[in-house]
Amino acid sequence: LSEKAKDKPVIMCGDLNVAHLDIDLKNPASNHQNPGFTDQEREKFG
């Protein structure tokens, strides 16, 4: 994406399979470190 953005603006969409923030899912505490809500995935989105 970063290489594309050097050429012209990027609009990216899709299922990114990550809930970034606690408010992005109903039950963040019980889902911590489940697929899509691991610290690693959230950090990569950040």
ModelCIF file with pLDDT and N, C-alpha, C, O atoms, coordinates in Angstrom:
data_MODEL
#
_entry.id   MODEL 
#
_entity.id                         1 
_entity.type                       polymer 
_entity.pdbx_number_of_molecules   1 
#
_entity_poly.entity_id                      1 
_entity_poly.type                           'polypeptide(L)' 
_entity_poly.nstd_linkage                   no 
_entity_poly.nstd_monomer                   no 
_entity_poly.pdbx_seq_one_letter_code       LSEKAKDKPVIMCGDLNVAHLDIDLKNPASNHQNPGFTDQEREKFG 
_entity_poly.pdbx_seq_one_letter_code_can   LSEKAKDKPVIMCGDLNVAHLDIDLKNPASNHQNPGFTDQEREKFG 
_entity_poly.pdbx_strand_id                 A 
#
loop_
_entity_poly_seq.entity_id 
_entity_poly_seq.num 
_entity_poly_seq.mon_id 
_entity_poly_seq.hetero 
1 1  LEU n 
1 2  SER n 
1 3  GLU n 
1 4  LYS n 
1 5  ALA n 
1 6  LYS n 
1 7  ASP n 
1 8  LYS n 
1 9  PRO n 
1 10 VAL n 
1 11 ILE n 
1 12 MET n 
1 13 CYS n 
1 14 GLY n 
1 15 ASP n 
1 16 LEU n 
1 17 ASN n 
1 18 VAL n 
1 19 ALA n 
1 20 HIS n 
1 21 LEU n 
1 22 ASP n 
1 23 ILE n 
1 24 ASP n 
1 25 LEU n 
1 26 LYS n 
1 27 ASN n 
1 28 PRO n 
1 29 ALA n 
1 30 SER n 
1 31 ASN n 
1 32 HIS n 
1 33 GLN n 
1 34 ASN n 
1 35 PRO n 
1 36 GLY n 
1 37 PHE n 
1 38 THR n 
1 39 ASP n 
1 40 GLN n 
1 41 GLU n 
1 42 ARG n 
1 43 GLU n 
1 44 LYS n 
1 45 PHE n 
1 46 GLY n 
#
_struct_asym.id          A 
_struct_asym.entity_id   1 
#
loop_
_ma_qa_metric.id 
_ma_qa_metric.mode 
_ma_qa_metric.name 
_ma_qa_metric.software_group_id 
_ma_qa_metric.type 
1 global pLDDT . pLDDT 
2 local  pLDDT . pLDDT 
#
_ma_qa_metric_global.metric_id      1 
_ma_qa_metric_global.metric_value   97.98 
_ma_qa_metric_global.model_id       1 
_ma_qa_metric_global.ordinal_id     1 
#
loop_
_ma_qa_metric_local.label_asym_id 
_ma_qa_metric_local.label_comp_id 
_ma_qa_metric_local.label_seq_id 
_ma_qa_metric_local.metric_id 
_ma_qa_metric_local.metric_value 
_ma_qa_metric_local.model_id 
_ma_qa_metric_local.ordinal_id 
A LEU 1  2 98.00 1 1  
A SER 2  2 98.00 1 2  
A GLU 3  2 98.00 1 3  
A LYS 4  2 98.00 1 4  
A ALA 5  2 98.00 1 5  
A LYS 6  2 98.00 1 6  
A ASP 7  2 98.00 1 7  
A LYS 8  2 98.00 1 8  
A PRO 9  2 98.00 1 9  
A VAL 10 2 98.00 1 10 
A ILE 11 2 99.00 1 11 
A MET 12 2 99.00 1 12 
A CYS 13 2 99.00 1 13 
A GLY 14 2 98.00 1 14 
A ASP 15 2 98.00 1 15 
A LEU 16 2 98.00 1 16 
A ASN 17 2 98.00 1 17 
A VAL 18 2 98.00 1 18 
A ALA 19 2 98.00 1 19 
A HIS 20 2 98.00 1 20 
A LEU 21 2 98.00 1 21 
A ASP 22 2 98.00 1 22 
A ILE 23 2 98.00 1 23 
A ASP 24 2 98.00 1 24 
A LEU 25 2 98.00 1 25 
A LYS 26 2 98.00 1 26 
A ASN 27 2 97.00 1 27 
A PRO 28 2 98.00 1 28 
A ALA 29 2 98.00 1 29 
A SER 30 2 97.00 1 30 
A ASN 31 2 97.00 1 31 
A HIS 32 2 98.00 1 32 
A GLN 33 2 98.00 1 33 
A ASN 34 2 97.00 1 34 
A PRO 35 2 98.00 1 35 
A GLY 36 2 98.00 1 36 
A PHE 37 2 98.00 1 37 
A THR 38 2 98.00 1 38 
A ASP 39 2 98.00 1 39 
A GLN 40 2 98.00 1 40 
A GLU 41 2 98.00 1 41 
A ARG 42 2 98.00 1 42 
A GLU 43 2 98.00 1 43 
A LYS 44 2 98.00 1 44 
A PHE 45 2 98.00 1 45 
A GLY 46 2 98.00 1 46 
#
loop_
_atom_site.group_PDB 
_atom_site.id 
_atom_site.type_symbol 
_atom_site.label_atom_id 
_atom_site.label_alt_id 
_atom_site.label_comp_id 
_atom_site.label_asym_id 
_atom_site.label_entity_id 
_atom_site.label_seq_id 
_atom_site.pdbx_PDB_ins_code 
_atom_site.Cartn_x 
_atom_site.Cartn_y 
_atom_site.Cartn_z 
_atom_site.occupancy 
_atom_site.B_iso_or_equiv 
_atom_site.pdbx_formal_charge 
_atom_site.auth_seq_id 
_atom_site.auth_comp_id 
_atom_site.auth_asym_id 
_atom_site.auth_atom_id 
_atom_site.pdbx_PDB_model_num 
ATOM 1   N N  . LEU A 1 1  ? 0.825   -1.209  0.000  1.00 98.00 ? 1  LEU A N  1 
ATOM 2   C CA . LEU A 1 1  ? 0.000   0.000   0.000  1.00 98.00 ? 1  LEU A CA 1 
ATOM 3   C C  . LEU A 1 1  ? 0.861   1.262   0.000  1.00 98.00 ? 1  LEU A C  1 
ATOM 4   O O  . LEU A 1 1  ? 0.565   2.222   -0.711 1.00 98.00 ? 1  LEU A O  1 
ATOM 5   N N  . SER A 1 2  ? 1.909   1.254   0.786  1.00 98.00 ? 2  SER A N  1 
ATOM 6   C CA . SER A 1 2  ? 2.770   2.431   0.882  1.00 98.00 ? 2  SER A CA 1 
ATOM 7   C C  . SER A 1 2  ? 3.449   2.737   -0.447 1.00 98.00 ? 2  SER A C  1 
ATOM 8   O O  . SER A 1 2  ? 3.605   3.900   -0.817 1.00 98.00 ? 2  SER A O  1 
ATOM 9   N N  . GLU A 1 3  ? 3.849   1.697   -1.160 1.00 98.00 ? 3  GLU A N  1 
ATOM 10  C CA . GLU A 1 3  ? 4.449   1.910   -2.484 1.00 98.00 ? 3  GLU A CA 1 
ATOM 11  C C  . GLU A 1 3  ? 3.425   2.481   -3.452 1.00 98.00 ? 3  GLU A C  1 
ATOM 12  O O  . GLU A 1 3  ? 3.739   3.390   -4.221 1.00 98.00 ? 3  GLU A O  1 
ATOM 13  N N  . LYS A 1 4  ? 2.204   1.960   -3.423 1.00 98.00 ? 4  LYS A N  1 
ATOM 14  C CA . LYS A 1 4  ? 1.151   2.504   -4.292 1.00 98.00 ? 4  LYS A CA 1 
ATOM 15  C C  . LYS A 1 4  ? 0.887   3.971   -3.965 1.00 98.00 ? 4  LYS A C  1 
ATOM 16  O O  . LYS A 1 4  ? 0.709   4.795   -4.863 1.00 98.00 ? 4  LYS A O  1 
ATOM 17  N N  . ALA A 1 5  ? 0.862   4.289   -2.669 1.00 98.00 ? 5  ALA A N  1 
ATOM 18  C CA . ALA A 1 5  ? 0.530   5.648   -2.234 1.00 98.00 ? 5  ALA A CA 1 
ATOM 19  C C  . ALA A 1 5  ? 1.599   6.666   -2.640 1.00 98.00 ? 5  ALA A C  1 
ATOM 20  O O  . ALA A 1 5  ? 1.324   7.865   -2.670 1.00 98.00 ? 5  ALA A O  1 
ATOM 21  N N  . LYS A 1 6  ? 2.797   6.209   -2.949 1.00 98.00 ? 6  LYS A N  1 
ATOM 22  C CA . LYS A 1 6  ? 3.832   7.116   -3.451 1.00 98.00 ? 6  LYS A CA 1 
ATOM 23  C C  . LYS A 1 6  ? 3.484   7.630   -4.840 1.00 98.00 ? 6  LYS A C  1 
ATOM 24  O O  . LYS A 1 6  ? 3.927   8.704   -5.245 1.00 98.00 ? 6  LYS A O  1 
ATOM 25  N N  . ASP A 1 7  ? 2.685   6.853   -5.567 1.00 98.00 ? 7  ASP A N  1 
ATOM 26  C CA . ASP A 1 7  ? 2.330   7.185   -6.945 1.00 98.00 ? 7  ASP A CA 1 
ATOM 27  C C  . ASP A 1 7  ? 1.083   8.053   -7.004 1.00 98.00 ? 7  ASP A C  1 
ATOM 28  O O  . ASP A 1 7  ? 1.053   9.068   -7.700 1.00 98.00 ? 7  ASP A O  1 
ATOM 29  N N  . LYS A 1 8  ? 0.041   7.641   -6.259 1.00 98.00 ? 8  LYS A N  1 
ATOM 30  C CA . LYS A 1 8  ? -1.217  8.394   -6.222 1.00 98.00 ? 8  LYS A CA 1 
ATOM 31  C C  . LYS A 1 8  ? -2.009  7.933   -5.003 1.00 98.00 ? 8  LYS A C  1 
ATOM 32  O O  . LYS A 1 8  ? -1.669  6.909   -4.410 1.00 98.00 ? 8  LYS A O  1 
ATOM 33  N N  . PRO A 1 9  ? -3.060  8.663   -4.610 1.00 98.00 ? 9  PRO A N  1 
ATOM 34  C CA . PRO A 1 9  ? -3.825  8.281   -3.416 1.00 98.00 ? 9  PRO A CA 1 
ATOM 35  C C  . PRO A 1 9  ? -4.432  6.886   -3.540 1.00 98.00 ? 9  PRO A C  1 
ATOM 36  O O  . PRO A 1 9  ? -4.756  6.417   -4.632 1.00 98.00 ? 9  PRO A O  1 
ATOM 37  N N  . VAL A 1 10 ? -4.575  6.243   -2.382 1.00 98.00 ? 10 VAL A N  1 
ATOM 38  C CA . VAL A 1 10 ? -5.103  4.885   -2.297 1.00 98.00 ? 10 VAL A CA 1 
ATOM 39  C C  . VAL A 1 10 ? -6.416  4.886   -1.532 1.00 98.00 ? 10 VAL A C  1 
ATOM 40  O O  . VAL A 1 10 ? -6.537  5.523   -0.486 1.00 98.00 ? 10 VAL A O  1 
ATOM 41  N N  . ILE A 1 11 ? -7.405  4.163   -2.066 1.00 99.00 ? 11 ILE A N  1 
ATOM 42  C CA . ILE A 1 11 ? -8.630  3.834   -1.346 1.00 99.00 ? 11 ILE A CA 1 
ATOM 43  C C  . ILE A 1 11 ? -8.661  2.322   -1.235 1.00 99.00 ? 11 ILE A C  1 
ATOM 44  O O  . ILE A 1 11 ? -8.766  1.619   -2.240 1.00 99.00 ? 11 ILE A O  1 
ATOM 45  N N  . MET A 1 12 ? -8.570  1.824   -0.014 1.00 99.00 ? 12 MET A N  1 
ATOM 46  C CA . MET A 1 12 ? -8.532  0.378   0.226  1.00 99.00 ? 12 MET A CA 1 
ATOM 47  C C  . MET A 1 12 ? -9.734  -0.028  1.055  1.00 99.00 ? 12 MET A C  1 
ATOM 48  O O  . MET A 1 12 ? -10.104 0.663   2.004  1.00 99.00 ? 12 MET A O  1 
ATOM 49  N N  . CYS A 1 13 ? -10.347 -1.151  0.697  1.00 99.00 ? 13 CYS A N  1 
ATOM 50  C CA . CYS A 1 13 ? -11.503 -1.613  1.453  1.00 99.00 ? 13 CYS A CA 1 
ATOM 51  C C  . CYS A 1 13 ? -11.484 -3.125  1.561  1.00 99.00 ? 13 CYS A C  1 
ATOM 52  O O  . CYS A 1 13 ? -10.805 -3.821  0.806  1.00 99.00 ? 13 CYS A O  1 
ATOM 53  N N  . GLY A 1 14 ? -12.253 -3.610  2.526  1.00 98.00 ? 14 GLY A N  1 
ATOM 54  C CA . GLY A 1 14 ? -12.420 -5.058  2.624  1.00 98.00 ? 14 GLY A CA 1 
ATOM 55  C C  . GLY A 1 14 ? -12.554 -5.532  4.044  1.00 98.00 ? 14 GLY A C  1 
ATOM 56  O O  . GLY A 1 14 ? -12.652 -4.752  4.991  1.00 98.00 ? 14 GLY A O  1 
ATOM 57  N N  . ASP A 1 15 ? -12.554 -6.849  4.155  1.00 98.00 ? 15 ASP A N  1 
ATOM 58  C CA . ASP A 1 15 ? -12.585 -7.527  5.449  1.00 98.00 ? 15 ASP A CA 1 
ATOM 59  C C  . ASP A 1 15 ? -11.142 -7.659  5.914  1.00 98.00 ? 15 ASP A C  1 
ATOM 60  O O  . ASP A 1 15 ? -10.383 -8.479  5.397  1.00 98.00 ? 15 ASP A O  1 
ATOM 61  N N  . LEU A 1 16 ? -10.774 -6.844  6.895  1.00 98.00 ? 16 LEU A N  1 
ATOM 62  C CA . LEU A 1 16 ? -9.400  -6.840  7.385  1.00 98.00 ? 16 LEU A CA 1 
ATOM 63  C C  . LEU A 1 16 ? -9.198  -7.792  8.550  1.00 98.00 ? 16 LEU A C  1 
ATOM 64  O O  . LEU A 1 16 ? -8.085  -7.927  9.058  1.00 98.00 ? 16 LEU A O  1 
ATOM 65  N N  . ASN A 1 17 ? -10.263 -8.448  8.977  1.00 98.00 ? 17 ASN A N  1 
ATOM 66  C CA . ASN A 1 17 ? -10.182 -9.488  10.012 1.00 98.00 ? 17 ASN A CA 1 
ATOM 67  C C  . ASN A 1 17 ? -9.461  -8.998  11.273 1.00 98.00 ? 17 ASN A C  1 
ATOM 68  O O  . ASN A 1 17 ? -8.666  -9.723  11.871 1.00 98.00 ? 17 ASN A O  1 
ATOM 69  N N  . VAL A 1 18 ? -9.759  -7.748  11.665 1.00 98.00 ? 18 VAL A N  1 
ATOM 70  C CA . VAL A 1 18 ? -9.248  -7.237  12.934 1.00 98.00 ? 18 VAL A CA 1 
ATOM 71  C C  . VAL A 1 18 ? -10.211 -6.176  13.448 1.00 98.00 ? 18 VAL A C  1 
ATOM 72  O O  . VAL A 1 18 ? -10.676 -5.326  12.689 1.00 98.00 ? 18 VAL A O  1 
ATOM 73  N N  . ALA A 1 19 ? -10.504 -6.232  14.733 1.00 98.00 ? 19 ALA A N  1 
ATOM 74  C CA . ALA A 1 19 ? -11.187 -5.146  15.425 1.00 98.00 ? 19 ALA A CA 1 
ATOM 75  C C  . ALA A 1 19 ? -10.108 -4.327  16.109 1.00 98.00 ? 19 ALA A C  1 
ATOM 76  O O  . ALA A 1 19 ? -9.434  -4.812  17.018 1.00 98.00 ? 19 ALA A O  1 
ATOM 77  N N  . HIS A 1 20 ? -9.944  -3.096  15.678 1.00 98.00 ? 20 HIS A N  1 
ATOM 78  C CA . HIS A 1 20 ? -8.780  -2.320  16.113 1.00 98.00 ? 20 HIS A CA 1 
ATOM 79  C C  . HIS A 1 20 ? -8.889  -1.858  17.564 1.00 98.00 ? 20 HIS A C  1 
ATOM 80  O O  . HIS A 1 20 ? -7.949  -2.029  18.340 1.00 98.00 ? 20 HIS A O  1 
ATOM 81  N N  . LEU A 1 21 ? -10.014 -1.281  17.932 1.00 98.00 ? 21 LEU A N  1 
ATOM 82  C CA . LEU A 1 21 ? -10.187 -0.679  19.252 1.00 98.00 ? 21 LEU A CA 1 
ATOM 83  C C  . LEU A 1 21 ? -11.164 -1.488  20.097 1.00 98.00 ? 21 LEU A C  1 
ATOM 84  O O  . LEU A 1 21 ? -11.936 -2.291  19.574 1.00 98.00 ? 21 LEU A O  1 
ATOM 85  N N  . ASP A 1 22 ? -11.122 -1.270  21.389 1.00 98.00 ? 22 ASP A N  1 
ATOM 86  C CA . ASP A 1 22 ? -12.066 -1.956  22.273 1.00 98.00 ? 22 ASP A CA 1 
ATOM 87  C C  . ASP A 1 22 ? -13.516 -1.692  21.873 1.00 98.00 ? 22 ASP A C  1 
ATOM 88  O O  . ASP A 1 22 ? -14.363 -2.575  22.002 1.00 98.00 ? 22 ASP A O  1 
ATOM 89  N N  . ILE A 1 23 ? -13.805 -0.487  21.389 1.00 98.00 ? 23 ILE A N  1 
ATOM 90  C CA . ILE A 1 23 ? -15.191 -0.162  21.007 1.00 98.00 ? 23 ILE A CA 1 
ATOM 91  C C  . ILE A 1 23 ? -15.583 -0.788  19.675 1.00 98.00 ? 23 ILE A C  1 
ATOM 92  O O  . ILE A 1 23 ? -16.723 -0.645  19.234 1.00 98.00 ? 23 ILE A O  1 
ATOM 93  N N  . ASP A 1 24 ? -14.645 -1.481  19.031 1.00 98.00 ? 24 ASP A N  1 
ATOM 94  C CA . ASP A 1 24 ? -14.949 -2.100  17.736 1.00 98.00 ? 24 ASP A CA 1 
ATOM 95  C C  . ASP A 1 24 ? -15.491 -3.517  17.862 1.00 98.00 ? 24 ASP A C  1 
ATOM 96  O O  . ASP A 1 24 ? -15.655 -4.208  16.857 1.00 98.00 ? 24 ASP A O  1 
ATOM 97  N N  . LEU A 1 25 ? -15.769 -3.955  19.081 1.00 98.00 ? 25 LEU A N  1 
ATOM 98  C CA . LEU A 1 25 ? -16.445 -5.235  19.266 1.00 98.00 ? 25 LEU A CA 1 
ATOM 99  C C  . LEU A 1 25 ? -17.206 -5.204  20.584 1.00 98.00 ? 25 LEU A C  1 
ATOM 100 O O  . LEU A 1 25 ? -16.912 -4.407  21.476 1.00 98.00 ? 25 LEU A O  1 
ATOM 101 N N  . LYS A 1 26 ? -18.184 -6.085  20.683 1.00 98.00 ? 26 LYS A N  1 
ATOM 102 C CA . LYS A 1 26 ? -19.104 -6.055  21.816 1.00 98.00 ? 26 LYS A CA 1 
ATOM 103 C C  . LYS A 1 26 ? -18.424 -6.459  23.121 1.00 98.00 ? 26 LYS A C  1 
ATOM 104 O O  . LYS A 1 26 ? -18.643 -5.848  24.167 1.00 98.00 ? 26 LYS A O  1 
ATOM 105 N N  . ASN A 1 27 ? -17.595 -7.502  23.041 1.00 97.00 ? 27 ASN A N  1 
ATOM 106 C CA . ASN A 1 27 ? -17.026 -8.072  24.268 1.00 97.00 ? 27 ASN A CA 1 
ATOM 107 C C  . ASN A 1 27 ? -15.502 -8.126  24.192 1.00 97.00 ? 27 ASN A C  1 
ATOM 108 O O  . ASN A 1 27 ? -14.929 -9.199  24.003 1.00 97.00 ? 27 ASN A O  1 
ATOM 109 N N  . PRO A 1 28 ? -14.845 -6.979  24.337 1.00 98.00 ? 28 PRO A N  1 
ATOM 110 C CA . PRO A 1 28 ? -13.388 -6.971  24.172 1.00 98.00 ? 28 PRO A CA 1 
ATOM 111 C C  . PRO A 1 28 ? -12.643 -7.796  25.207 1.00 98.00 ? 28 PRO A C  1 
ATOM 112 O O  . PRO A 1 28 ? -11.654 -8.450  24.874 1.00 98.00 ? 28 PRO A O  1 
ATOM 113 N N  . ALA A 1 29 ? -13.092 -7.780  26.449 1.00 98.00 ? 29 ALA A N  1 
ATOM 114 C CA . ALA A 1 29 ? -12.343 -8.487  27.496 1.00 98.00 ? 29 ALA A CA 1 
ATOM 115 C C  . ALA A 1 29 ? -12.326 -9.987  27.258 1.00 98.00 ? 29 ALA A C  1 
ATOM 116 O O  . ALA A 1 29 ? -11.271 -10.616 27.344 1.00 98.00 ? 29 ALA A O  1 
ATOM 117 N N  . SER A 1 30 ? -13.482 -10.567 26.960 1.00 97.00 ? 30 SER A N  1 
ATOM 118 C CA . SER A 1 30 ? -13.550 -12.017 26.779 1.00 97.00 ? 30 SER A CA 1 
ATOM 119 C C  . SER A 1 30 ? -12.963 -12.470 25.451 1.00 97.00 ? 30 SER A C  1 
ATOM 120 O O  . SER A 1 30 ? -12.693 -13.658 25.272 1.00 97.00 ? 30 SER A O  1 
ATOM 121 N N  . ASN A 1 31 ? -12.760 -11.540 24.512 1.00 97.00 ? 31 ASN A N  1 
ATOM 122 C CA . ASN A 1 31 ? -12.200 -11.897 23.206 1.00 97.00 ? 31 ASN A CA 1 
ATOM 123 C C  . ASN A 1 31 ? -10.712 -11.561 23.073 1.00 97.00 ? 31 ASN A C  1 
ATOM 124 O O  . ASN A 1 31 ? -10.121 -11.767 22.014 1.00 97.00 ? 31 ASN A O  1 
ATOM 125 N N  . HIS A 1 32 ? -10.111 -11.045 24.143 1.00 98.00 ? 32 HIS A N  1 
ATOM 126 C CA . HIS A 1 32 ? -8.701  -10.680 24.069 1.00 98.00 ? 32 HIS A CA 1 
ATOM 127 C C  . HIS A 1 32 ? -7.844  -11.894 23.690 1.00 98.00 ? 32 HIS A C  1 
ATOM 128 O O  . HIS A 1 32 ? -7.928  -12.952 24.313 1.00 98.00 ? 32 HIS A O  1 
ATOM 129 N N  . GLN A 1 33 ? -7.026  -11.714 22.663 1.00 98.00 ? 33 GLN A N  1 
ATOM 130 C CA . GLN A 1 33 ? -6.134  -12.732 22.104 1.00 98.00 ? 33 GLN A CA 1 
ATOM 131 C C  . GLN A 1 33 ? -6.875  -13.825 21.329 1.00 98.00 ? 33 GLN A C  1 
ATOM 132 O O  . GLN A 1 33 ? -6.288  -14.852 20.988 1.00 98.00 ? 33 GLN A O  1 
ATOM 133 N N  . ASN A 1 34 ? -8.154  -13.606 21.053 1.00 97.00 ? 34 ASN A N  1 
ATOM 134 C CA . ASN A 1 34 ? -8.843  -14.445 20.075 1.00 97.00 ? 34 ASN A CA 1 
ATOM 135 C C  . ASN A 1 34 ? -8.512  -13.950 18.673 1.00 97.00 ? 34 ASN A C  1 
ATOM 136 O O  . ASN A 1 34 ? -8.120  -12.794 18.511 1.00 97.00 ? 34 ASN A O  1 
ATOM 137 N N  . PRO A 1 35 ? -8.663  -14.810 17.638 1.00 98.00 ? 35 PRO A N  1 
ATOM 138 C CA . PRO A 1 35 ? -8.383  -14.370 16.268 1.00 98.00 ? 35 PRO A CA 1 
ATOM 139 C C  . PRO A 1 35 ? -9.160  -13.099 15.921 1.00 98.00 ? 35 PRO A C  1 
ATOM 140 O O  . PRO A 1 35 ? -10.371 -13.023 16.130 1.00 98.00 ? 35 PRO A O  1 
ATOM 141 N N  . GLY A 1 36 ? -8.449  -12.106 15.389 1.00 98.00 ? 36 GLY A N  1 
ATOM 142 C CA . GLY A 1 36 ? -9.065  -10.834 15.047 1.00 98.00 ? 36 GLY A CA 1 
ATOM 143 C C  . GLY A 1 36 ? -9.003  -9.805  16.154 1.00 98.00 ? 36 GLY A C  1 
ATOM 144 O O  . GLY A 1 36 ? -9.330  -8.640  15.930 1.00 98.00 ? 36 GLY A O  1 
ATOM 145 N N  . PHE A 1 37 ? -8.586  -10.214 17.357 1.00 98.00 ? 37 PHE A N  1 
ATOM 146 C CA . PHE A 1 37 ? -8.460  -9.261  18.460 1.00 98.00 ? 37 PHE A CA 1 
ATOM 147 C C  . PHE A 1 37 ? -7.236  -9.583  19.316 1.00 98.00 ? 37 PHE A C  1 
ATOM 148 O O  . PHE A 1 37 ? -7.242  -9.440  20.539 1.00 98.00 ? 37 PHE A O  1 
ATOM 149 N N  . THR A 1 38 ? -6.194  -10.021 18.622 1.00 98.00 ? 38 THR A N  1 
ATOM 150 C CA . THR A 1 38 ? -4.921  -10.214 19.320 1.00 98.00 ? 38 THR A CA 1 
ATOM 151 C C  . THR A 1 38 ? -4.183  -8.881  19.390 1.00 98.00 ? 38 THR A C  1 
ATOM 152 O O  . THR A 1 38 ? -4.410  -7.986  18.577 1.00 98.00 ? 38 THR A O  1 
ATOM 153 N N  . ASP A 1 39 ? -3.310  -8.768  20.359 1.00 98.00 ? 39 ASP A N  1 
ATOM 154 C CA . ASP A 1 39 ? -2.486  -7.563  20.459 1.00 98.00 ? 39 ASP A CA 1 
ATOM 155 C C  . ASP A 1 39 ? -1.668  -7.371  19.182 1.00 98.00 ? 39 ASP A C  1 
ATOM 156 O O  . ASP A 1 39 ? -1.468  -6.247  18.722 1.00 98.00 ? 39 ASP A O  1 
ATOM 157 N N  . GLN A 1 40 ? -1.200  -8.482  18.620 1.00 98.00 ? 40 GLN A N  1 
ATOM 158 C CA . GLN A 1 40 ? -0.349  -8.408  17.432 1.00 98.00 ? 40 GLN A CA 1 
ATOM 159 C C  . GLN A 1 40 ? -1.112  -7.852  16.229 1.00 98.00 ? 40 GLN A C  1 
ATOM 160 O O  . GLN A 1 40 ? -0.601  -6.989  15.515 1.00 98.00 ? 40 GLN A O  1 
ATOM 161 N N  . GLU A 1 41 ? -2.322  -8.340  16.005 1.00 98.00 ? 41 GLU A N  1 
ATOM 162 C CA . GLU A 1 41 ? -3.114  -7.881  14.854 1.00 98.00 ? 41 GLU A CA 1 
ATOM 163 C C  . GLU A 1 41 ? -3.509  -6.420  15.013 1.00 98.00 ? 41 GLU A C  1 
ATOM 164 O O  . GLU A 1 41 ? -3.450  -5.646  14.059 1.00 98.00 ? 41 GLU A O  1 
ATOM 165 N N  . ARG A 1 42 ? -3.911  -6.050  16.221 1.00 98.00 ? 42 ARG A N  1 
ATOM 166 C CA . ARG A 1 42 ? -4.307  -4.665  16.474 1.00 98.00 ? 42 ARG A CA 1 
ATOM 167 C C  . ARG A 1 42 ? -3.118  -3.722  16.298 1.00 98.00 ? 42 ARG A C  1 
ATOM 168 O O  . ARG A 1 42 ? -3.260  -2.621  15.765 1.00 98.00 ? 42 ARG A O  1 
ATOM 169 N N  . GLU A 1 43 ? -1.960  -4.163  16.747 1.00 98.00 ? 43 GLU A N  1 
ATOM 170 C CA . GLU A 1 43 ? -0.765  -3.338  16.594 1.00 98.00 ? 43 GLU A CA 1 
ATOM 171 C C  . GLU A 1 43 ? -0.417  -3.141  15.124 1.00 98.00 ? 43 GLU A C  1 
ATOM 172 O O  . GLU A 1 43 ? -0.028  -2.046  14.718 1.00 98.00 ? 43 GLU A O  1 
ATOM 173 N N  . LYS A 1 44 ? -0.554  -4.189  14.331 1.00 98.00 ? 44 LYS A N  1 
ATOM 174 C CA . LYS A 1 44 ? -0.250  -4.057  12.899 1.00 98.00 ? 44 LYS A CA 1 
ATOM 175 C C  . LYS A 1 44 ? -1.204  -3.070  12.231 1.00 98.00 ? 44 LYS A C  1 
ATOM 176 O O  . LYS A 1 44 ? -0.790  -2.311  11.354 1.00 98.00 ? 44 LYS A O  1 
ATOM 177 N N  . PHE A 1 45 ? -2.483  -3.070  12.639 1.00 98.00 ? 45 PHE A N  1 
ATOM 178 C CA . PHE A 1 45 ? -3.404  -2.098  12.053 1.00 98.00 ? 45 PHE A CA 1 
ATOM 179 C C  . PHE A 1 45 ? -3.008  -0.683  12.468 1.00 98.00 ? 45 PHE A C  1 
ATOM 180 O O  . PHE A 1 45 ? -3.064  0.244   11.659 1.00 98.00 ? 45 PHE A O  1 
ATOM 181 N N  . GLY A 1 46 ? -2.612  -0.521  13.713 1.00 98.00 ? 46 GLY A N  1 
ATOM 182 C CA . GLY A 1 46 ? -2.126  0.779   14.151 1.00 98.00 ? 46 GLY A CA 1 
ATOM 183 C C  . GLY A 1 46 ? -0.910  1.238   13.370 1.00 98.00 ? 46 GLY A C  1 
ATOM 184 O O  . GLY A 1 46 ? -0.384  2.321   13.627 1.00 98.00 ? 46 GLY A O  1 
#
